[in-house]
């Protein structure tokens, strides 16, 4: 595996573990149903609203990319829906799996079924 891909993978795994822990803490301390309250309250203040809108724009751009690069329409649609509901809890493992399947070839990982070798 290329050194840059290895570093990215290590950082991505660490980020996923931190996010999973923070998500677990939020869910167990505030309850899993409180996620909608947190989202709605975040839109009432300027900086939390900016963060929420930025996050949603990223997710809505990432979802069609997943659908586009997937090998089947069903898998692509499932992945797009998963990223919209799970965010980085889904996208980080998805990217790492794509990198693993491509043997560390970033172009192949990004393009999926559209990748053409010369």
Foldseek 3Di string as FASTA:
>chain_A
DDPVLVVVLVVLVVVLVVVVVVVVCCCVPVNPVCPVVVLVVLCVDVPSVVVSVVQQVVLVVVLVQQCQQDPDNVRSNVLSVCCNVPPSNRVSVLLNVLCVVVVNPNVCSSRHPNDDDD
